[in-house]
Amino acid sequence: MKKLMGIAIIDMDGTLLAKRSIDVFCNKFNLFNELEEINKLSLRIPAYKITEKIAKLLMGKSKKELEETFSSI
């Protein structure tokens, strides 16, 4: 069985946070234009595909970078 390694970020937008955390991440990593293109697809493709595309934006970012960014929200 293959062991998966990674980091999960629980997104509580609108519940505990005043803004979308993915917007903060994309601003931090200069990915906002890419996120806007993905957002435009949200009415045409299933939500899980949107989630996959957004997750791919953050691929290659270190755990430390993601944790520091999330802590700043």
PDB file of N, CA and C in Angstrom:
ATOM      1  N   MET A   1       0.843  -1.178   0.000  1.00  0.00           N
ATOM      2  CA  MET A   1       0.000   0.000   0.000  1.00  0.00           C
ATOM      3  C   MET A   1       0.887   1.240   0.000  1.00  0.00           C
ATOM      4  N   LYS A   2       0.606   2.177  -0.870  1.00  0.00           N
ATOM      5  CA  LYS A   2       1.394   3.397  -0.997  1.00  0.00           C
ATOM      6  C   LYS A   2       1.022   4.388   0.107  1.00  0.00           C
ATOM      7  N   LYS A   3       2.037   4.903   0.772  1.00  0.00           N
ATOM      8  CA  LYS A   3       1.823   5.879   1.836  1.00  0.00           C
ATOM      9  C   LYS A   3       1.786   7.273   1.221  1.00  0.00           C
ATOM     10  N   LEU A   4       0.748   8.021   1.514  1.00  0.00           N
ATOM     11  CA  LEU A   4       0.617   9.383   1.009  1.00  0.00           C
ATOM     12  C   LEU A   4       1.203  10.362   2.002  1.00  0.00           C
ATOM     13  N   MET A   5       1.942  11.329   1.485  1.00  0.00           N
ATOM     14  CA  MET A   5       2.532  12.360   2.325  1.00  0.00           C
ATOM     15  C   MET A   5       2.039  13.708   1.821  1.00  0.00           C
ATOM     16  N   GLY A   6       1.817  14.622   2.718  1.00  0.00           N
ATOM     17  CA  GLY A   6       1.388  15.942   2.300  1.00  0.00           C
ATOM     18  C   GLY A   6       0.878  16.748   3.466  1.00  0.00           C
ATOM     19  N   ILE A   7       0.174  17.781   3.121  1.00  0.00           N
ATOM     20  CA  ILE A   7      -0.393  18.668   4.125  1.00  0.00           C
ATOM     21  C   ILE A   7      -1.839  18.954   3.737  1.00  0.00           C
ATOM     22  N   ALA A   8      -2.701  19.019   4.708  1.00  0.00           N
ATOM     23  CA  ALA A   8      -4.099  19.366   4.468  1.00  0.00           C
ATOM     24  C   ALA A   8      -4.401  20.670   5.183  1.00  0.00           C
ATOM     25  N   ILE A   9      -5.110  21.536   4.497  1.00  0.00           N
ATOM     26  CA  ILE A   9      -5.519  22.796   5.093  1.00  0.00           C
ATOM     27  C   ILE A   9      -7.038  22.799   5.122  1.00  0.00           C
ATOM     28  N   ILE A  10      -7.610  22.934   6.297  1.00  0.00           N
ATOM     29  CA  ILE A  10      -9.057  22.964   6.449  1.00  0.00           C
ATOM     30  C   ILE A  10      -9.517  24.396   6.196  1.00  0.00           C
ATOM     31  N   ASP A  11     -10.391  24.532   5.244  1.00  0.00           N
ATOM     32  CA  ASP A  11     -10.834  25.852   4.798  1.00  0.00           C
ATOM     33  C   ASP A  11     -12.175  26.189   5.438  1.00  0.00           C
ATOM     34  N   MET A  12     -12.175  27.176   6.334  1.00  0.00           N
ATOM     35  CA  MET A  12     -13.382  27.555   7.066  1.00  0.00           C
ATOM     36  C   MET A  12     -13.920  28.903   6.586  1.00  0.00           C
ATOM     37  N   ASP A  13     -13.760  29.171   5.294  1.00  0.00           N
ATOM     38  CA  ASP A  13     -14.198  30.449   4.740  1.00  0.00           C
ATOM     39  C   ASP A  13     -15.664  30.716   5.052  1.00  0.00           C
ATOM     40  N   GLY A  14     -15.932  31.904   5.503  1.00  0.00           N
ATOM     41  CA  GLY A  14     -17.301  32.295   5.803  1.00  0.00           C
ATOM     42  C   GLY A  14     -17.798  31.783   7.139  1.00  0.00           C
ATOM     43  N   THR A  15     -17.055  30.872   7.753  1.00  0.00           N
ATOM     44  CA  THR A  15     -17.441  30.346   9.058  1.00  0.00           C
ATOM     45  C   THR A  15     -16.625  31.045  10.142  1.00  0.00           C
ATOM     46  N   LEU A  16     -15.310  30.912  10.045  1.00  0.00           N
ATOM     47  CA  LEU A  16     -14.424  31.542  11.013  1.00  0.00           C
ATOM     48  C   LEU A  16     -13.608  32.678  10.406  1.00  0.00           C
ATOM     49  N   LEU A  17     -13.488  32.678   9.099  1.00  0.00           N
ATOM     50  CA  LEU A  17     -12.651  33.661   8.417  1.00  0.00           C
ATOM     51  C   LEU A  17     -13.509  34.633   7.613  1.00  0.00           C
ATOM     52  N   ALA A  18     -13.029  35.856   7.489  1.00  0.00           N
ATOM     53  CA  ALA A  18     -13.777  36.878   6.751  1.00  0.00           C
ATOM     54  C   ALA A  18     -13.520  36.814   5.250  1.00  0.00           C
ATOM     55  N   LYS A  19     -12.454  36.117   4.846  1.00  0.00           N
ATOM     56  CA  LYS A  19     -12.138  36.037   3.427  1.00  0.00           C
ATOM     57  C   LYS A  19     -11.763  34.606   3.066  1.00  0.00           C
ATOM     58  N   ARG A  20     -11.676  34.349   1.759  1.00  0.00           N
ATOM     59  CA  ARG A  20     -11.291  33.009   1.319  1.00  0.00           C
ATOM     60  C   ARG A  20      -9.797  32.824   1.524  1.00  0.00           C
ATOM     61  N   SER A  21      -9.440  31.752   2.190  1.00  0.00           N
ATOM     62  CA  SER A  21      -8.025  31.511   2.446  1.00  0.00           C
ATOM     63  C   SER A  21      -7.260  31.270   1.148  1.00  0.00           C
ATOM     64  N   ILE A  22      -7.895  30.661   0.153  1.00  0.00           N
ATOM     65  CA  ILE A  22      -7.188  30.425  -1.109  1.00  0.00           C
ATOM     66  C   ILE A  22      -6.807  31.739  -1.772  1.00  0.00           C
ATOM     67  N   ASP A  23      -7.583  32.785  -1.578  1.00  0.00           N
ATOM     68  CA  ASP A  23      -7.211  34.098  -2.115  1.00  0.00           C
ATOM     69  C   ASP A  23      -5.926  34.604  -1.473  1.00  0.00           C
ATOM     70  N   VAL A  24      -5.798  34.385  -0.169  1.00  0.00           N
ATOM     71  CA  VAL A  24      -4.592  34.804   0.547  1.00  0.00           C
ATOM     72  C   VAL A  24      -3.382  34.023   0.029  1.00  0.00           C
ATOM     73  N   PHE A  25      -3.541  32.708  -0.126  1.00  0.00           N
ATOM     74  CA  PHE A  25      -2.446  31.884  -0.638  1.00  0.00           C
ATOM     75  C   PHE A  25      -2.030  32.324  -2.040  1.00  0.00           C
ATOM     76  N   CYS A  26      -3.005  32.547  -2.894  1.00  0.00           N
ATOM     77  CA  CYS A  26      -2.688  32.922  -4.277  1.00  0.00           C
ATOM     78  C   CYS A  26      -2.071  34.310  -4.355  1.00  0.00           C
ATOM     79  N   ASN A  27      -2.481  35.226  -3.505  1.00  0.00           N
ATOM     80  CA  ASN A  27      -1.831  36.537  -3.451  1.00  0.00           C
ATOM     81  C   ASN A  27      -0.380  36.390  -2.997  1.00  0.00           C
ATOM     82  N   LYS A  28      -0.160  35.600  -1.966  1.00  0.00           N
ATOM     83  CA  LYS A  28       1.179  35.387  -1.421  1.00  0.00           C
ATOM     84  C   LYS A  28       2.125  34.796  -2.467  1.00  0.00           C
ATOM     85  N   PHE A  29       1.635  33.834  -3.243  1.00  0.00           N
ATOM     86  CA  PHE A  29       2.480  33.113  -4.192  1.00  0.00           C
ATOM     87  C   PHE A  29       2.326  33.612  -5.631  1.00  0.00           C
ATOM     88  N   ASN A  30       1.737  34.791  -5.796  1.00  0.00           N
ATOM     89  CA  ASN A  30       1.554  35.396  -7.128  1.00  0.00           C
ATOM     90  C   ASN A  30       0.823  34.465  -8.099  1.00  0.00           C
ATOM     91  N   LEU A  31      -0.264  33.869  -7.623  1.00  0.00           N
ATOM     92  CA  LEU A  31      -1.064  32.941  -8.425  1.00  0.00           C
ATOM     93  C   LEU A  31      -2.493  33.432  -8.611  1.00  0.00           C
ATOM     94  N   PHE A  32      -2.740  34.715  -8.339  1.00  0.00           N
ATOM     95  CA  PHE A  32      -4.112  35.199  -8.366  1.00  0.00           C
ATOM     96  C   PHE A  32      -4.729  35.129  -9.761  1.00  0.00           C
ATOM     97  N   ASN A  33      -3.965  35.418 -10.804  1.00  0.00           N
ATOM     98  CA  ASN A  33      -4.507  35.332 -12.171  1.00  0.00           C
ATOM     99  C   ASN A  33      -4.918  33.908 -12.518  1.00  0.00           C
ATOM    100  N   GLU A  34      -4.092  32.940 -12.106  1.00  0.00           N
ATOM    101  CA  GLU A  34      -4.423  31.539 -12.345  1.00  0.00           C
ATOM    102  C   GLU A  34      -5.694  31.140 -11.601  1.00  0.00           C
ATOM    103  N   LEU A  35      -5.831  31.645 -10.368  1.00  0.00           N
ATOM    104  CA  LEU A  35      -7.037  31.359  -9.589  1.00  0.00           C
ATOM    105  C   LEU A  35      -8.269  31.954 -10.256  1.00  0.00           C
ATOM    106  N   GLU A  36      -8.152  33.157 -10.783  1.00  0.00           N
ATOM    107  CA  GLU A  36      -9.283  33.791 -11.472  1.00  0.00           C
ATOM    108  C   GLU A  36      -9.738  32.946 -12.667  1.00  0.00           C
ATOM    109  N   GLU A  37      -8.782  32.384 -13.405  1.00  0.00           N
ATOM    110  CA  GLU A  37      -9.131  31.519 -14.546  1.00  0.00           C
ATOM    111  C   GLU A  37      -9.865  30.272 -14.067  1.00  0.00           C
ATOM    112  N   ILE A  38      -9.427  29.699 -12.971  1.00  0.00           N
ATOM    113  CA  ILE A  38     -10.103  28.525 -12.405  1.00  0.00           C
ATOM    114  C   ILE A  38     -11.499  28.905 -11.933  1.00  0.00           C
ATOM    115  N   ASN A  39     -11.632  30.052 -11.281  1.00  0.00           N
ATOM    116  CA  ASN A  39     -12.945  30.501 -10.805  1.00  0.00           C
ATOM    117  C   ASN A  39     -13.939  30.644 -11.956  1.00  0.00           C
ATOM    118  N   LYS A  40     -13.473  31.060 -13.122  1.00  0.00           N
ATOM    119  CA  LYS A  40     -14.350  31.209 -14.283  1.00  0.00           C
ATOM    120  C   LYS A  40     -14.926  29.873 -14.742  1.00  0.00           C
ATOM    121  N   LEU A  41     -14.245  28.793 -14.431  1.00  0.00           N
ATOM    122  CA  LEU A  41     -14.698  27.457 -14.832  1.00  0.00           C
ATOM    123  C   LEU A  41     -15.744  26.876 -13.892  1.00  0.00           C
ATOM    124  N   SER A  42     -15.962  27.524 -12.758  1.00  0.00           N
ATOM    125  CA  SER A  42     -16.776  26.917 -11.698  1.00  0.00           C
ATOM    126  C   SER A  42     -18.217  26.613 -12.086  1.00  0.00           C
ATOM    127  N   LEU A  43     -18.747  27.280 -13.074  1.00  0.00           N
ATOM    128  CA  LEU A  43     -20.118  26.984 -13.501  1.00  0.00           C
ATOM    129  C   LEU A  43     -20.179  25.915 -14.587  1.00  0.00           C
ATOM    130  N   ARG A  44     -19.012  25.523 -15.112  1.00  0.00           N
ATOM    131  CA  ARG A  44     -18.993  24.574 -16.231  1.00  0.00           C
ATOM    132  C   ARG A  44     -18.441  23.199 -15.889  1.00  0.00           C
ATOM    133  N   ILE A  45     -17.680  23.101 -14.810  1.00  0.00           N
ATOM    134  CA  ILE A  45     -17.113  21.795 -14.462  1.00  0.00           C
ATOM    135  C   ILE A  45     -17.449  21.482 -13.002  1.00  0.00           C
ATOM    136  N   PRO A  46     -17.432  20.190 -12.648  1.00  0.00           N
ATOM    137  CA  PRO A  46     -17.795  19.795 -11.275  1.00  0.00           C
ATOM    138  C   PRO A  46     -16.887  20.426 -10.223  1.00  0.00           C
ATOM    139  N   ALA A  47     -17.438  20.627  -9.042  1.00  0.00           N
ATOM    140  CA  ALA A  47     -16.711  21.268  -7.945  1.00  0.00           C
ATOM    141  C   ALA A  47     -15.428  20.524  -7.593  1.00  0.00           C
ATOM    142  N   TYR A  48     -15.444  19.193  -7.660  1.00  0.00           N
ATOM    143  CA  TYR A  48     -14.235  18.457  -7.300  1.00  0.00           C
ATOM    144  C   TYR A  48     -13.104  18.739  -8.287  1.00  0.00           C
ATOM    145  N   LYS A  49     -13.433  19.028  -9.540  1.00  0.00           N
ATOM    146  CA  LYS A  49     -12.404  19.389 -10.527  1.00  0.00           C
ATOM    147  C   LYS A  49     -11.808  20.759 -10.202  1.00  0.00           C
ATOM    148  N   ILE A  50     -12.646  21.668  -9.741  1.00  0.00           N
ATOM    149  CA  ILE A  50     -12.172  22.988  -9.320  1.00  0.00           C
ATOM    150  C   ILE A  50     -11.202  22.815  -8.152  1.00  0.00           C
ATOM    151  N   THR A  51     -11.577  21.987  -7.182  1.00  0.00           N
ATOM    152  CA  THR A  51     -10.728  21.726  -6.025  1.00  0.00           C
ATOM    153  C   THR A  51      -9.388  21.146  -6.457  1.00  0.00           C
ATOM    154  N   GLU A  52      -9.408  20.206  -7.399  1.00  0.00           N
ATOM    155  CA  GLU A  52      -8.167  19.617  -7.898  1.00  0.00           C
ATOM    156  C   GLU A  52      -7.272  20.669  -8.550  1.00  0.00           C
ATOM    157  N   LYS A  53      -7.874  21.524  -9.361  1.00  0.00           N
ATOM    158  CA  LYS A  53      -7.105  22.573 -10.039  1.00  0.00           C
ATOM    159  C   LYS A  53      -6.501  23.561  -9.043  1.00  0.00           C
ATOM    160  N   ILE A  54      -7.267  23.923  -8.035  1.00  0.00           N
ATOM    161  CA  ILE A  54      -6.758  24.841  -7.015  1.00  0.00           C
ATOM    162  C   ILE A  54      -5.622  24.180  -6.228  1.00  0.00           C
ATOM    163  N   ALA A  55      -5.785  22.910  -5.888  1.00  0.00           N
ATOM    164  CA  ALA A  55      -4.736  22.197  -5.150  1.00  0.00           C
ATOM    165  C   ALA A  55      -3.444  22.156  -5.957  1.00  0.00           C
ATOM    166  N   LYS A  56      -3.558  21.977  -7.264  1.00  0.00           N
ATOM    167  CA  LYS A  56      -2.368  21.936  -8.121  1.00  0.00           C
ATOM    168  C   LYS A  56      -1.626  23.273  -8.116  1.00  0.00           C
ATOM    169  N   LEU A  57      -2.343  24.368  -7.902  1.00  0.00           N
ATOM    170  CA  LEU A  57      -1.675  25.670  -7.821  1.00  0.00           C
ATOM    171  C   LEU A  57      -0.656  25.702  -6.688  1.00  0.00           C
ATOM    172  N   LEU A  58      -0.949  24.990  -5.615  1.00  0.00           N
ATOM    173  CA  LEU A  58      -0.096  25.031  -4.429  1.00  0.00           C
ATOM    174  C   LEU A  58       0.939  23.912  -4.395  1.00  0.00           C
ATOM    175  N   MET A  59       0.934  23.055  -5.407  1.00  0.00           N
ATOM    176  CA  MET A  59       1.927  21.977  -5.460  1.00  0.00           C
ATOM    177  C   MET A  59       3.330  22.567  -5.493  1.00  0.00           C
ATOM    178  N   GLY A  60       4.229  21.938  -4.774  1.00  0.00           N
ATOM    179  CA  GLY A  60       5.612  22.384  -4.754  1.00  0.00           C
ATOM    180  C   GLY A  60       5.922  23.397  -3.668  1.00  0.00           C
ATOM    181  N   LYS A  61       4.892  23.921  -3.045  1.00  0.00           N
ATOM    182  CA  LYS A  61       5.116  24.848  -1.930  1.00  0.00           C
ATOM    183  C   LYS A  61       5.488  24.026  -0.702  1.00  0.00           C
ATOM    184  N   SER A  62       6.400  24.529   0.071  1.00  0.00           N
ATOM    185  CA  SER A  62       6.832  23.784   1.254  1.00  0.00           C
ATOM    186  C   SER A  62       5.773  23.849   2.354  1.00  0.00           C
ATOM    187  N   LYS A  63       5.844  22.879   3.234  1.00  0.00           N
ATOM    188  CA  LYS A  63       4.942  22.850   4.389  1.00  0.00           C
ATOM    189  C   LYS A  63       5.101  24.130   5.191  1.00  0.00           C
ATOM    190  N   LYS A  64       6.347  24.567   5.363  1.00  0.00           N
ATOM    191  CA  LYS A  64       6.623  25.778   6.134  1.00  0.00           C
ATOM    192  C   LYS A  64       5.960  26.992   5.481  1.00  0.00           C
ATOM    193  N   GLU A  65       6.094  27.138   4.149  1.00  0.00           N
ATOM    194  CA  GLU A  65       5.471  28.262   3.445  1.00  0.00           C
ATOM    195  C   GLU A  65       3.953  28.278   3.629  1.00  0.00           C
ATOM    196  N   LEU A  66       3.352  27.094   3.501  1.00  0.00           N
ATOM    197  CA  LEU A  66       1.890  27.003   3.626  1.00  0.00           C
ATOM    198  C   LEU A  66       1.445  27.296   5.056  1.00  0.00           C
ATOM    199  N   GLU A  67       2.149  26.749   6.031  1.00  0.00           N
ATOM    200  CA  GLU A  67       1.776  26.993   7.430  1.00  0.00           C
ATOM    201  C   GLU A  67       1.928  28.461   7.803  1.00  0.00           C
ATOM    202  N   GLU A  68       3.021  29.089   7.361  1.00  0.00           N
ATOM    203  CA  GLU A  68       3.233  30.515   7.663  1.00  0.00           C
ATOM    204  C   GLU A  68       2.148  31.379   7.027  1.00  0.00           C
ATOM    205  N   THR A  69       1.797  31.055   5.800  1.00  0.00           N
ATOM    206  CA  THR A  69       0.750  31.818   5.114  1.00  0.00           C
ATOM    207  C   THR A  69      -0.589  31.633   5.814  1.00  0.00           C
ATOM    208  N   PHE A  70      -0.925  30.391   6.147  1.00  0.00           N
ATOM    209  CA  PHE A  70      -2.194  30.120   6.821  1.00  0.00           C
ATOM    210  C   PHE A  70      -2.254  30.808   8.179  1.00  0.00           C
ATOM    211  N   SER A  71      -1.132  30.844   8.891  1.00  0.00           N
ATOM    212  CA  SER A  71      -1.089  31.488  10.202  1.00  0.00           C
ATOM    213  C   SER A  71      -1.320  33.002  10.112  1.00  0.00           C
ATOM    214  N   SER A  72      -1.052  33.572   8.947  1.00  0.00           N
ATOM    215  CA  SER A  72      -1.213  35.017   8.777  1.00  0.00           C
ATOM    216  C   SER A  72      -2.657  35.438   8.536  1.00  0.00           C
ATOM    217  N   ILE A  73      -3.528  34.477   8.306  1.00  0.00           N
ATOM    218  CA  ILE A  73      -4.930  34.791   7.993  1.00  0.00           C
ATOM    219  C   ILE A  73      -5.683  35.130   9.269  1.00  0.00           C
TER     220      ILE A  73
END
